[in-house]
PDB file of all heavy atoms in Angstrom:
ATOM      1  N   PHE A   1     120.526 110.065  78.385  1.00  0.00           N
ATOM      2  CA  PHE A   1     119.792 109.987  77.117  1.00  0.00           C
ATOM      3  C   PHE A   1     120.041 111.258  76.306  1.00  0.00           C
ATOM      4  O   PHE A   1     120.190 112.344  76.877  1.00  0.00           O
ATOM      5  CB  PHE A   1     118.298 109.848  77.349  1.00  0.00           C
ATOM      6  CG  PHE A   1     117.852 108.536  77.948  1.00  0.00           C
ATOM      7  CD1 PHE A   1     118.749 107.609  78.448  1.00  0.00           C
ATOM      8  CD2 PHE A   1     116.499 108.232  78.007  1.00  0.00           C
ATOM      9  CE1 PHE A   1     118.328 106.405  78.995  1.00  0.00           C
ATOM     10  CE2 PHE A   1     116.055 107.029  78.544  1.00  0.00           C
ATOM     11  CZ  PHE A   1     116.978 106.129  79.050  1.00  0.00           C
ATOM     12  N   THR A   2     120.023 111.115  74.977  1.00  0.00           N
ATOM     13  CA  THR A   2     120.169 112.257  74.086  1.00  0.00           C
ATOM     14  C   THR A   2     119.134 112.167  72.973  1.00  0.00           C
ATOM     15  O   THR A   2     119.042 111.138  72.290  1.00  0.00           O
ATOM     16  CB  THR A   2     121.569 112.298  73.465  1.00  0.00           C
ATOM     17  OG1 THR A   2     122.554 112.352  74.504  1.00  0.00           O
ATOM     18  CG2 THR A   2     121.723 113.528  72.580  1.00  0.00           C
ATOM     19  N   ILE A   3     118.377 113.230  72.799  1.00  0.00           N
ATOM     20  CA  ILE A   3     117.407 113.297  71.715  1.00  0.00           C
ATOM     21  C   ILE A   3     118.013 114.122  70.578  1.00  0.00           C
ATOM     22  O   ILE A   3     118.729 115.103  70.819  1.00  0.00           O
ATOM     23  CB  ILE A   3     116.073 113.912  72.187  1.00  0.00           C
ATOM     24  CG1 ILE A   3     114.996 113.777  71.100  1.00  0.00           C
ATOM     25  CG2 ILE A   3     116.240 115.355  72.632  1.00  0.00           C
ATOM     26  CD1 ILE A   3     113.599 114.149  71.579  1.00  0.00           C
ATOM     27  N   SER A   4     117.728 113.705  69.348  1.00  0.00           N
ATOM     28  CA  SER A   4     118.200 114.447  68.185  1.00  0.00           C
ATOM     29  C   SER A   4     117.197 114.260  67.053  1.00  0.00           C
ATOM     30  O   SER A   4     116.336 113.377  67.123  1.00  0.00           O
ATOM     31  CB  SER A   4     119.599 113.970  67.763  1.00  0.00           C
ATOM     32  OG  SER A   4     119.581 112.601  67.397  1.00  0.00           O
ATOM     33  N   ARG A   5     117.336 115.080  66.036  1.00  0.00           N
ATOM     34  CA  ARG A   5     116.425 114.981  64.899  1.00  0.00           C
ATOM     35  C   ARG A   5     117.181 115.181  63.594  1.00  0.00           C
ATOM     36  O   ARG A   5     118.182 115.912  63.554  1.00  0.00           O
ATOM     37  CB  ARG A   5     115.270 115.974  65.018  1.00  0.00           C
ATOM     38  CG  ARG A   5     115.679 117.431  64.969  1.00  0.00           C
ATOM     39  CD  ARG A   5     114.502 118.351  65.347  1.00  0.00           C
ATOM     40  NE  ARG A   5     113.387 118.205  64.412  1.00  0.00           N
ATOM     41  CZ  ARG A   5     112.134 118.559  64.702  1.00  0.00           C
ATOM     42  NH1 ARG A   5     111.840 119.075  65.891  1.00  0.00           N
ATOM     43  NH2 ARG A   5     111.179 118.397  63.801  1.00  0.00           N
ATOM     44  N   ASP A   6     116.679 114.535  62.549  1.00  0.00           N
ATOM     45  CA  ASP A   6     117.203 114.701  61.196  1.00  0.00           C
ATOM     46  C   ASP A   6     116.018 115.079  60.328  1.00  0.00           C
ATOM     47  O   ASP A   6     115.228 114.219  59.926  1.00  0.00           O
ATOM     48  CB  ASP A   6     117.862 113.404  60.722  1.00  0.00           C
ATOM     49  CG  ASP A   6     118.535 113.556  59.370  1.00  0.00           C
ATOM     50  OD1 ASP A   6     118.179 114.477  58.616  1.00  0.00           O
ATOM     51  OD2 ASP A   6     119.415 112.735  59.064  1.00  0.00           O
ATOM     52  N   ASN A   7     115.880 116.360  60.047  1.00  0.00           N
ATOM     53  CA  ASN A   7     114.719 116.829  59.294  1.00  0.00           C
ATOM     54  C   ASN A   7     114.717 116.305  57.859  1.00  0.00           C
ATOM     55  O   ASN A   7     113.654 116.140  57.259  1.00  0.00           O
ATOM     56  CB  ASN A   7     114.666 118.356  59.297  1.00  0.00           C
ATOM     57  CG  ASN A   7     114.311 118.908  60.661  1.00  0.00           C
ATOM     58  OD1 ASN A   7     113.729 118.223  61.512  1.00  0.00           O
ATOM     59  ND2 ASN A   7     114.677 120.166  60.897  1.00  0.00           N
ATOM     60  N   ALA A   8     115.877 116.035  57.314  1.00  0.00           N
ATOM     61  CA  ALA A   8     115.945 115.502  55.957  1.00  0.00           C
ATOM     62  C   ALA A   8     115.373 114.088  55.871  1.00  0.00           C
ATOM     63  O   ALA A   8     114.909 113.652  54.817  1.00  0.00           O
ATOM     64  CB  ALA A   8     117.381 115.504  55.466  1.00  0.00           C
ATOM     65  N   LYS A   9     115.407 113.378  57.007  1.00  0.00           N
ATOM     66  CA  LYS A   9     114.906 112.008  57.045  1.00  0.00           C
ATOM     67  C   LYS A   9     113.583 111.890  57.793  1.00  0.00           C
ATOM     68  O   LYS A   9     113.087 110.777  58.001  1.00  0.00           O
ATOM     69  CB  LYS A   9     115.940 111.084  57.701  1.00  0.00           C
ATOM     70  CG  LYS A   9     117.242 110.967  56.923  1.00  0.00           C
ATOM     71  CD  LYS A   9     118.201 110.007  57.600  1.00  0.00           C
ATOM     72  CE  LYS A   9     119.481 109.857  56.795  1.00  0.00           C
ATOM     73  NZ  LYS A   9     120.450 108.924  57.439  1.00  0.00           N
ATOM     74  N   ASN A  10     113.028 113.027  58.226  1.00  0.00           N
ATOM     75  CA  ASN A  10     111.772 113.018  58.987  1.00  0.00           C
ATOM     76  C   ASN A  10     111.855 112.076  60.184  1.00  0.00           C
ATOM     77  O   ASN A  10     110.893 111.355  60.502  1.00  0.00           O
ATOM     78  CB  ASN A  10     110.593 112.607  58.097  1.00  0.00           C
ATOM     79  CG  ASN A  10     110.144 113.696  57.158  1.00  0.00           C
ATOM     80  OD1 ASN A  10     110.784 114.757  57.080  1.00  0.00           O
ATOM     81  ND2 ASN A  10     109.086 113.457  56.423  1.00  0.00           N
ATOM     82  N   THR A  11     112.990 112.095  60.853  1.00  0.00           N
ATOM     83  CA  THR A  11     113.252 111.124  61.910  1.00  0.00           C
ATOM     84  C   THR A  11     113.760 111.806  63.174  1.00  0.00           C
ATOM     85  O   THR A  11     114.591 112.727  63.105  1.00  0.00           O
ATOM     86  CB  THR A  11     114.279 110.082  61.441  1.00  0.00           C
ATOM     87  OG1 THR A  11     113.779 109.425  60.265  1.00  0.00           O
ATOM     88  CG2 THR A  11     114.518 109.023  62.519  1.00  0.00           C
ATOM     89  N   VAL A  12     113.267 111.333  64.302  1.00  0.00           N
ATOM     90  CA  VAL A  12     113.777 111.745  65.599  1.00  0.00           C
ATOM     91  C   VAL A  12     114.370 110.515  66.282  1.00  0.00           C
ATOM     92  O   VAL A  12     113.841 109.412  66.147  1.00  0.00           O
ATOM     93  CB  VAL A  12     112.686 112.409  66.466  1.00  0.00           C
ATOM     94  CG1 VAL A  12     111.530 111.459  66.742  1.00  0.00           C
ATOM     95  CG2 VAL A  12     113.266 112.963  67.751  1.00  0.00           C
ATOM     96  N   TYR A  13     115.472 110.734  66.985  1.00  0.00           N
ATOM     97  CA  TYR A  13     116.201 109.640  67.620  1.00  0.00           C
ATOM     98  C   TYR A  13     116.251 109.842  69.132  1.00  0.00           C
ATOM     99  O   TYR A  13     116.186 110.959  69.624  1.00  0.00           O
ATOM    100  CB  TYR A  13     117.637 109.576  67.094  1.00  0.00           C
ATOM    101  CG  TYR A  13     117.740 109.422  65.596  1.00  0.00           C
ATOM    102  CD1 TYR A  13     117.980 110.528  64.785  1.00  0.00           C
ATOM    103  CD2 TYR A  13     117.625 108.173  64.999  1.00  0.00           C
ATOM    104  CE1 TYR A  13     118.087 110.394  63.412  1.00  0.00           C
ATOM    105  CE2 TYR A  13     117.733 108.032  63.617  1.00  0.00           C
ATOM    106  CZ  TYR A  13     117.961 109.149  62.838  1.00  0.00           C
ATOM    107  OH  TYR A  13     118.070 109.012  61.473  1.00  0.00           O
ATOM    108  N   LEU A  14     116.410 108.734  69.835  1.00  0.00           N
ATOM    109  CA  LEU A  14     116.680 108.784  71.262  1.00  0.00           C
ATOM    110  C   LEU A  14     117.820 107.823  71.537  1.00  0.00           C
ATOM    111  O   LEU A  14     117.638 106.601  71.462  1.00  0.00           O
ATOM    112  CB  LEU A  14     115.452 108.408  72.083  1.00  0.00           C
ATOM    113  CG  LEU A  14     115.633 108.532  73.593  1.00  0.00           C
ATOM    114  CD1 LEU A  14     115.773 110.011  73.995  1.00  0.00           C
ATOM    115  CD2 LEU A  14     114.474 107.887  74.359  1.00  0.00           C
ATOM    116  N   GLN A  15     118.987 108.375  71.826  1.00  0.00           N
ATOM    117  CA  GLN A  15     120.141 107.566  72.213  1.00  0.00           C
ATOM    118  C   GLN A  15     120.090 107.364  73.717  1.00  0.00           C
ATOM    119  O   GLN A  15     120.090 108.333  74.479  1.00  0.00           O
ATOM    120  CB  GLN A  15     121.439 108.253  71.815  1.00  0.00           C
ATOM    121  CG  GLN A  15     122.685 107.490  72.222  1.00  0.00           C
ATOM    122  CD  GLN A  15     122.834 106.167  71.495  1.00  0.00           C
ATOM    123  OE1 GLN A  15     122.627 106.084  70.289  1.00  0.00           O
ATOM    124  NE2 GLN A  15     123.208 105.121  72.235  1.00  0.00           N
ATOM    125  N   MET A  16     120.037 106.116  74.130  1.00  0.00           N
ATOM    126  CA  MET A  16     119.901 105.784  75.547  1.00  0.00           C
ATOM    127  C   MET A  16     121.149 105.024  75.992  1.00  0.00           C
ATOM    128  O   MET A  16     121.413 103.926  75.486  1.00  0.00           O
ATOM    129  CB  MET A  16     118.652 104.935  75.782  1.00  0.00           C
ATOM    130  CG  MET A  16     117.379 105.578  75.262  1.00  0.00           C
ATOM    131  SD  MET A  16     115.896 104.650  75.695  1.00  0.00           S
ATOM    132  CE  MET A  16     116.150 103.152  74.751  1.00  0.00           C
ATOM    133  N   ASN A  17     121.890 105.603  76.918  1.00  0.00           N
ATOM    134  CA  ASN A  17     123.098 104.998  77.460  1.00  0.00           C
ATOM    135  C   ASN A  17     122.928 104.721  78.951  1.00  0.00           C
ATOM    136  O   ASN A  17     122.034 105.265  79.595  1.00  0.00           O
ATOM    137  CB  ASN A  17     124.297 105.911  77.231  1.00  0.00           C
ATOM    138  CG  ASN A  17     124.579 106.176  75.770  1.00  0.00           C
ATOM    139  OD1 ASN A  17     124.342 105.327  74.901  1.00  0.00           O
ATOM    140  ND2 ASN A  17     125.087 107.356  75.466  1.00  0.00           N
ATOM    141  N   SER A  18     123.797 103.882  79.477  1.00  0.00           N
ATOM    142  CA  SER A  18     123.780 103.561  80.912  1.00  0.00           C
ATOM    143  C   SER A  18     122.377 103.181  81.371  1.00  0.00           C
ATOM    144  O   SER A  18     121.877 103.671  82.383  1.00  0.00           O
ATOM    145  CB  SER A  18     124.295 104.754  81.728  1.00  0.00           C
ATOM    146  OG  SER A  18     125.591 105.124  81.327  1.00  0.00           O
ATOM    147  N   LEU A  19     121.766 102.306  80.631  1.00  0.00           N
ATOM    148  CA  LEU A  19     120.380 101.933  80.918  1.00  0.00           C
ATOM    149  C   LEU A  19     120.258 101.198  82.240  1.00  0.00           C
ATOM    150  O   LEU A  19     121.146 100.437  82.640  1.00  0.00           O
ATOM    151  CB  LEU A  19     119.822 101.082  79.779  1.00  0.00           C
ATOM    152  CG  LEU A  19     119.421 101.881  78.539  1.00  0.00           C
ATOM    153  CD1 LEU A  19     119.338 100.991  77.308  1.00  0.00           C
ATOM    154  CD2 LEU A  19     118.108 102.598  78.775  1.00  0.00           C
ATOM    155  N   LYS A  20     119.140 101.462  82.906  1.00  0.00           N
ATOM    156  CA  LYS A  20     118.841 100.888  84.212  1.00  0.00           C
ATOM    157  C   LYS A  20     117.548 100.080  84.123  1.00  0.00           C
ATOM    158  O   LYS A  20     116.704 100.356  83.260  1.00  0.00           O
ATOM    159  CB  LYS A  20     118.668 102.000  85.244  1.00  0.00           C
ATOM    160  CG  LYS A  20     119.823 102.963  85.344  1.00  0.00           C
ATOM    161  CD  LYS A  20     119.491 104.106  86.293  1.00  0.00           C
ATOM    162  CE  LYS A  20     120.628 105.101  86.390  1.00  0.00           C
ATOM    163  NZ  LYS A  20     120.308 106.227  87.317  1.00  0.00           N
ATOM    164  N   PRO A  21     117.352  99.139  85.028  1.00  0.00           N
ATOM    165  CA  PRO A  21     116.087  98.378  85.005  1.00  0.00           C
ATOM    166  C   PRO A  21     114.855  99.282  85.077  1.00  0.00           C
ATOM    167  O   PRO A  21     113.820  98.964  84.461  1.00  0.00           O
ATOM    168  CB  PRO A  21     116.198  97.486  86.240  1.00  0.00           C
ATOM    169  CG  PRO A  21     117.665  97.263  86.403  1.00  0.00           C
ATOM    170  CD  PRO A  21     118.307  98.574  86.006  1.00  0.00           C
ATOM    171  N   GLU A  22     114.962 100.401  85.777  1.00  0.00           N
ATOM    172  CA  GLU A  22     113.821 101.308  85.888  1.00  0.00           C
ATOM    173  C   GLU A  22     113.527 102.069  84.600  1.00  0.00           C
ATOM    174  O   GLU A  22     112.528 102.790  84.521  1.00  0.00           O
ATOM    175  CB  GLU A  22     114.011 102.297  87.046  1.00  0.00           C
ATOM    176  CG  GLU A  22     115.334 103.030  87.047  1.00  0.00           C
ATOM    177  CD  GLU A  22     116.373 102.364  87.936  1.00  0.00           C
ATOM    178  OE1 GLU A  22     116.490 101.118  87.916  1.00  0.00           O
ATOM    179  OE2 GLU A  22     117.078 103.114  88.653  1.00  0.00           O
ATOM    180  N   ASP A  23     114.367 101.918  83.590  1.00  0.00           N
ATOM    181  CA  ASP A  23     114.072 102.490  82.272  1.00  0.00           C
ATOM    182  C   ASP A  23     113.147 101.589  81.463  1.00  0.00           C
ATOM    183  O   ASP A  23     112.703 101.965  80.375  1.00  0.00           O
ATOM    184  CB  ASP A  23     115.359 102.717  81.482  1.00  0.00           C
ATOM    185  CG  ASP A  23     116.257 103.767  82.096  1.00  0.00           C
ATOM    186  OD1 ASP A  23     115.741 104.817  82.524  1.00  0.00           O
ATOM    187  OD2 ASP A  23     117.487 103.541  82.144  1.00  0.00           O
ATOM    188  N   THR A  24     112.856 100.405  81.970  1.00  0.00           N
ATOM    189  CA  THR A  24     111.963  99.483  81.278  1.00  0.00           C
ATOM    190  C   THR A  24     110.583 100.098  81.124  1.00  0.00           C
ATOM    191  O   THR A  24     109.966 100.530  82.104  1.00  0.00           O
ATOM    192  CB  THR A  24     111.858  98.164  82.058  1.00  0.00           C
ATOM    193  OG1 THR A  24     113.141  97.522  82.048  1.00  0.00           O
ATOM    194  CG2 THR A  24     110.823  97.230  81.427  1.00  0.00           C
ATOM    195  N   ALA A  25     110.104 100.158  79.885  1.00  0.00           N
ATOM    196  CA  ALA A  25     108.815 100.785  79.591  1.00  0.00           C
ATOM    197  C   ALA A  25     108.531 100.656  78.100  1.00  0.00           C
ATOM    198  O   ALA A  25     109.403 100.253  77.326  1.00  0.00           O
ATOM    199  CB  ALA A  25     108.831 102.265  79.984  1.00  0.00           C
ATOM    200  N   VAL A  26     107.325 101.016  77.728  1.00  0.00           N
ATOM    201  CA  VAL A  26     107.012 101.236  76.316  1.00  0.00           C
ATOM    202  C   VAL A  26     107.321 102.701  76.024  1.00  0.00           C
ATOM    203  O   VAL A  26     106.858 103.599  76.742  1.00  0.00           O
ATOM    204  CB  VAL A  26     105.546 100.919  75.993  1.00  0.00           C
ATOM    205  CG1 VAL A  26     105.256 101.205  74.517  1.00  0.00           C
ATOM    206  CG2 VAL A  26     105.227  99.471  76.328  1.00  0.00           C
ATOM    207  N   TYR A  27     108.110 102.920  74.988  1.00  0.00           N
ATOM    208  CA  TYR A  27     108.527 104.262  74.608  1.00  0.00           C
ATOM    209  C   TYR A  27     107.715 104.715  73.390  1.00  0.00           C
ATOM    210  O   TYR A  27     107.639 104.009  72.377  1.00  0.00           O
ATOM    211  CB  TYR A  27     110.019 104.280  74.293  1.00  0.00           C
ATOM    212  CG  TYR A  27     110.866 104.245  75.539  1.00  0.00           C
ATOM    213  CD1 TYR A  27     110.926 103.099  76.332  1.00  0.00           C
ATOM    214  CD2 TYR A  27     111.591 105.362  75.948  1.00  0.00           C
ATOM    215  CE1 TYR A  27     111.687 103.061  77.487  1.00  0.00           C
ATOM    216  CE2 TYR A  27     112.356 105.339  77.104  1.00  0.00           C
ATOM    217  CZ  TYR A  27     112.391 104.185  77.869  1.00  0.00           C
ATOM    218  OH  TYR A  27     113.142 104.161  79.021  1.00  0.00           O
ATOM    219  N   PHE A  28     107.148 105.911  73.529  1.00  0.00           N
ATOM    220  CA  PHE A  28     106.279 106.476  72.503  1.00  0.00           C
ATOM    221  C   PHE A  28     106.895 107.740  71.925  1.00  0.00           C
ATOM    222  O   PHE A  28     107.488 108.545  72.650  1.00  0.00           O
ATOM    223  CB  PHE A  28     104.912 106.828  73.086  1.00  0.00           C
ATOM    224  CG  PHE A  28     104.134 105.664  73.617  1.00  0.00           C
ATOM    225  CD1 PHE A  28     104.263 105.275  74.942  1.00  0.00           C
ATOM    226  CD2 PHE A  28     103.257 104.971  72.802  1.00  0.00           C
ATOM    227  CE1 PHE A  28     103.550 104.209  75.455  1.00  0.00           C
ATOM    228  CE2 PHE A  28     102.525 103.903  73.298  1.00  0.00           C
ATOM    229  CZ  PHE A  28     102.673 103.522  74.626  1.00  0.00           C
ATOM    230  N   CYS A  29     106.676 107.926  70.658  1.00  0.00           N
ATOM    231  CA  CYS A  29     107.080 109.135  69.955  1.00  0.00           C
ATOM    232  C   CYS A  29     105.856 110.038  69.805  1.00  0.00           C
ATOM    233  O   CYS A  29     104.749 109.550  69.560  1.00  0.00           O
ATOM    234  CB  CYS A  29     107.630 108.734  68.587  1.00  0.00           C
ATOM    235  SG  CYS A  29     108.056 110.071  67.483  1.00  0.00           S
ATOM    236  N   LYS A  30     106.045 111.350  69.953  1.00  0.00           N
ATOM    237  CA  LYS A  30     104.963 112.307  69.786  1.00  0.00           C
ATOM    238  C   LYS A  30     105.415 113.469  68.930  1.00  0.00           C
ATOM    239  O   LYS A  30     106.530 113.980  69.086  1.00  0.00           O
ATOM    240  CB  LYS A  30     104.495 112.841  71.143  1.00  0.00           C
ATOM    241  CG  LYS A  30     103.274 113.752  71.036  1.00  0.00           C
ATOM    242  CD  LYS A  30     102.825 114.255  72.391  1.00  0.00           C
ATOM    243  CE  LYS A  30     103.567 115.464  72.825  1.00  0.00           C
ATOM    244  NZ  LYS A  30     102.949 116.103  74.038  1.00  0.00           N
ATOM    245  N   ALA A  31     104.538 113.895  68.039  1.00  0.00           N
ATOM    246  CA  ALA A  31     104.743 115.108  67.241  1.00  0.00           C
ATOM    247  C   ALA A  31     103.711 116.136  67.693  1.00  0.00           C
ATOM    248  O   ALA A  31     102.537 115.812  67.861  1.00  0.00           O
ATOM    249  CB  ALA A  31     104.570 114.814  65.762  1.00  0.00           C
ATOM    250  N   ARG A  32     104.149 117.364  67.907  1.00  0.00           N
ATOM    251  CA  ARG A  32     103.233 118.393  68.386  1.00  0.00           C
ATOM    252  C   ARG A  32     103.484 119.718  67.687  1.00  0.00           C
ATOM    253  O   ARG A  32     104.621 120.184  67.596  1.00  0.00           O
ATOM    254  CB  ARG A  32     103.373 118.594  69.890  1.00  0.00           C
ATOM    255  CG  ARG A  32     102.446 119.671  70.447  1.00  0.00           C
ATOM    256  CD  ARG A  32     102.627 119.827  71.952  1.00  0.00           C
ATOM    257  NE  ARG A  32     103.969 120.234  72.309  1.00  0.00           N
ATOM    258  CZ  ARG A  32     104.392 121.494  72.301  1.00  0.00           C
ATOM    259  NH1 ARG A  32     103.575 122.464  71.939  1.00  0.00           N
ATOM    260  NH2 ARG A  32     105.625 121.781  72.665  1.00  0.00           N
ATOM    261  N   ARG A  33     102.387 120.260  67.176  1.00  0.00           N
ATOM    262  CA  ARG A  33     102.403 121.649  66.723  1.00  0.00           C
ATOM    263  C   ARG A  33     101.089 122.265  67.152  1.00  0.00           C
ATOM    264  O   ARG A  33     100.944 122.640  68.311  1.00  0.00           O
ATOM    265  CB  ARG A  33     102.625 121.729  65.198  1.00  0.00           C
ATOM    266  CG  ARG A  33     102.942 123.140  64.738  1.00  0.00           C
ATOM    267  CD  ARG A  33     103.111 123.256  63.249  1.00  0.00           C
ATOM    268  NE  ARG A  33     103.400 124.633  62.877  1.00  0.00           N
ATOM    269  CZ  ARG A  33     103.340 125.085  61.628  1.00  0.00           C
ATOM    270  NH1 ARG A  33     103.010 124.277  60.645  1.00  0.00           N
ATOM    271  NH2 ARG A  33     103.625 126.333  61.368  1.00  0.00           N
ATOM    272  N   PHE A  34     100.107 122.319  66.314  1.00  0.00           N
ATOM    273  CA  PHE A  34      98.776 122.774  66.727  1.00  0.00           C
ATOM    274  C   PHE A  34      97.943 121.598  67.229  1.00  0.00           C
ATOM    275  O   PHE A  34      96.935 121.776  67.899  1.00  0.00           O
ATOM    276  CB  PHE A  34      98.059 123.451  65.564  1.00  0.00           C
ATOM    277  CG  PHE A  34      98.816 124.639  65.017  1.00  0.00           C
ATOM    278  CD1 PHE A  34      99.301 124.649  63.722  1.00  0.00           C
ATOM    279  CD2 PHE A  34      99.066 125.742  65.826  1.00  0.00           C
ATOM    280  CE1 PHE A  34     100.001 125.720  63.226  1.00  0.00           C
ATOM    281  CE2 PHE A  34      99.782 126.826  65.338  1.00  0.00           C
ATOM    282  CZ  PHE A  34     100.242 126.817  64.032  1.00  0.00           C
ATOM    283  N   THR A  35      98.371 120.407  66.882  1.00  0.00           N
ATOM    284  CA  THR A  35      97.732 119.184  67.357  1.00  0.00           C
ATOM    285  C   THR A  35      98.828 118.183  67.673  1.00  0.00           C
ATOM    286  O   THR A  35     100.004 118.455  67.450  1.00  0.00           O
ATOM    287  CB  THR A  35      96.737 118.648  66.318  1.00  0.00           C
ATOM    288  OG1 THR A  35      95.999 117.569  66.882  1.00  0.00           O
ATOM    289  CG2 THR A  35      97.467 118.146  65.075  1.00  0.00           C
ATOM    290  N   GLU A  36      98.435 117.070  68.213  1.00  0.00           N
ATOM    291  CA  GLU A  36      99.405 116.047  68.604  1.00  0.00           C
ATOM    292  C   GLU A  36      99.148 114.740  67.864  1.00  0.00           C
ATOM    293  O   GLU A  36      97.998 114.367  67.624  1.00  0.00           O
ATOM    294  CB  GLU A  36      99.305 115.777  70.111  1.00  0.00           C
ATOM    295  CG  GLU A  36      99.679 116.910  71.003  1.00  0.00           C
ATOM    296  CD  GLU A  36      99.603 116.553  72.471  1.00  0.00           C
ATOM    297  OE1 GLU A  36      99.094 115.464  72.793  1.00  0.00           O
ATOM    298  OE2 GLU A  36     100.058 117.356  73.301  1.00  0.00           O
ATOM    299  N   TYR A  37     100.245 114.068  67.547  1.00  0.00           N
ATOM    300  CA  TYR A  37     100.172 112.731  66.972  1.00  0.00           C
ATOM    301  C   TYR A  37     101.108 111.826  67.764  1.00  0.00           C
ATOM    302  O   TYR A  37     102.202 112.251  68.155  1.00  0.00           O
ATOM    303  CB  TYR A  37     100.599 112.757  65.498  1.00  0.00           C
ATOM    304  CG  TYR A  37      99.771 113.670  64.637  1.00  0.00           C
ATOM    305  CD1 TYR A  37     100.239 114.931  64.277  1.00  0.00           C
ATOM    306  CD2 TYR A  37      98.513 113.280  64.184  1.00  0.00           C
ATOM    307  CE1 TYR A  37      99.486 115.778  63.482  1.00  0.00           C
ATOM    308  CE2 TYR A  37      97.752 114.121  63.391  1.00  0.00           C
ATOM    309  CZ  TYR A  37      98.240 115.372  63.049  1.00  0.00           C
ATOM    310  OH  TYR A  37      97.483 116.209  62.270  1.00  0.00           O
ATOM    311  N   TRP A  38     100.646 110.592  67.956  1.00  0.00           N
ATOM    312  CA  TRP A  38     101.420 109.623  68.723  1.00  0.00           C
ATOM    313  C   TRP A  38     101.711 108.384  67.879  1.00  0.00           C
ATOM    314  O   TRP A  38     100.890 107.974  67.057  1.00  0.00           O
ATOM    315  CB  TRP A  38     100.639 109.172  69.960  1.00  0.00           C
ATOM    316  CG  TRP A  38     100.512 110.203  71.031  1.00  0.00           C
ATOM    317  CD1 TRP A  38      99.540 111.156  71.146  1.00  0.00           C
ATOM    318  CD2 TRP A  38     101.386 110.386  72.147  1.00  0.00           C
ATOM    319  NE1 TRP A  38      99.754 111.906  72.266  1.00  0.00           N
ATOM    320  CE2 TRP A  38     100.874 111.464  72.906  1.00  0.00           C
ATOM    321  CE3 TRP A  38     102.539 109.752  72.586  1.00  0.00           C
ATOM    322  CZ2 TRP A  38     101.488 111.917  74.081  1.00  0.00           C
ATOM    323  CZ3 TRP A  38     103.140 110.198  73.750  1.00  0.00           C
ATOM    324  CH2 TRP A  38     102.618 111.263  74.477  1.00  0.00           C
ATOM    325  N   GLY A  39     102.859 107.774  68.138  1.00  0.00           N
ATOM    326  CA  GLY A  39     103.155 106.479  67.572  1.00  0.00           C
ATOM    327  C   GLY A  39     102.570 105.371  68.438  1.00  0.00           C
ATOM    328  O   GLY A  39     101.960 105.631  69.475  1.00  0.00           O
ATOM    329  N   GLN A  40     102.779 104.147  67.992  1.00  0.00           N
ATOM    330  CA  GLN A  40     102.229 102.981  68.688  1.00  0.00           C
ATOM    331  C   GLN A  40     103.133 102.493  69.811  1.00  0.00           C
ATOM    332  O   GLN A  40     102.687 101.711  70.661  1.00  0.00           O
ATOM    333  CB  GLN A  40     101.992 101.847  67.683  1.00  0.00           C
ATOM    334  CG  GLN A  40     100.905 102.161  66.679  1.00  0.00           C
ATOM    335  CD  GLN A  40      99.575 102.392  67.348  1.00  0.00           C
ATOM    336  OE1 GLN A  40      99.092 101.564  68.110  1.00  0.00           O
ATOM    337  NE2 GLN A  40      98.962 103.542  67.078  1.00  0.00           N
ATOM    338  N   GLY A  41     104.362 102.920  69.832  1.00  0.00           N
ATOM    339  CA  GLY A  41     105.264 102.565  70.920  1.00  0.00           C
ATOM    340  C   GLY A  41     106.185 101.409  70.580  1.00  0.00           C
ATOM    341  O   GLY A  41     105.884 100.575  69.722  1.00  0.00           O
ATOM    342  N   THR A  42     107.307 101.372  71.287  1.00  0.00           N
ATOM    343  CA  THR A  42     108.266 100.271  71.163  1.00  0.00           C
ATOM    344  C   THR A  42     108.729  99.885  72.567  1.00  0.00           C
ATOM    345  O   THR A  42     108.989 100.748  73.403  1.00  0.00           O
ATOM    346  CB  THR A  42     109.455 100.662  70.262  1.00  0.00           C
ATOM    347  OG1 THR A  42     110.309  99.535  70.071  1.00  0.00           O
ATOM    348  CG2 THR A  42     110.266 101.817  70.826  1.00  0.00           C
ATOM    349  N   GLN A  43     108.788  98.598  72.818  1.00  0.00           N
ATOM    350  CA  GLN A  43     109.113  98.099  74.152  1.00  0.00           C
ATOM    351  C   GLN A  43     110.623  98.124  74.384  1.00  0.00           C
ATOM    352  O   GLN A  43     111.398  97.646  73.551  1.00  0.00           O
ATOM    353  CB  GLN A  43     108.611  96.673  74.325  1.00  0.00           C
ATOM    354  CG  GLN A  43     108.983  96.020  75.645  1.00  0.00           C
ATOM    355  CD  GLN A  43     108.236  96.626  76.821  1.00  0.00           C
ATOM    356  OE1 GLN A  43     107.012  96.818  76.759  1.00  0.00           O
ATOM    357  NE2 GLN A  43     108.959  96.923  77.901  1.00  0.00           N
TER     358      GLN A  43
END
C-alpha cells in the first residue's frame, strides 16, 4: 500500500496493490491536528 496527499485538492489517497482476502474491511479516513475528524468509511 502507498499513501499520498495532494494539498491543492484537499485529498489523501491510498493505493492498494496485491490485495489479499484479509484486507477486506471498512476503510476510514482520519484527519488529525489538535483534534480528530473521521470519515464514514468505504467498504
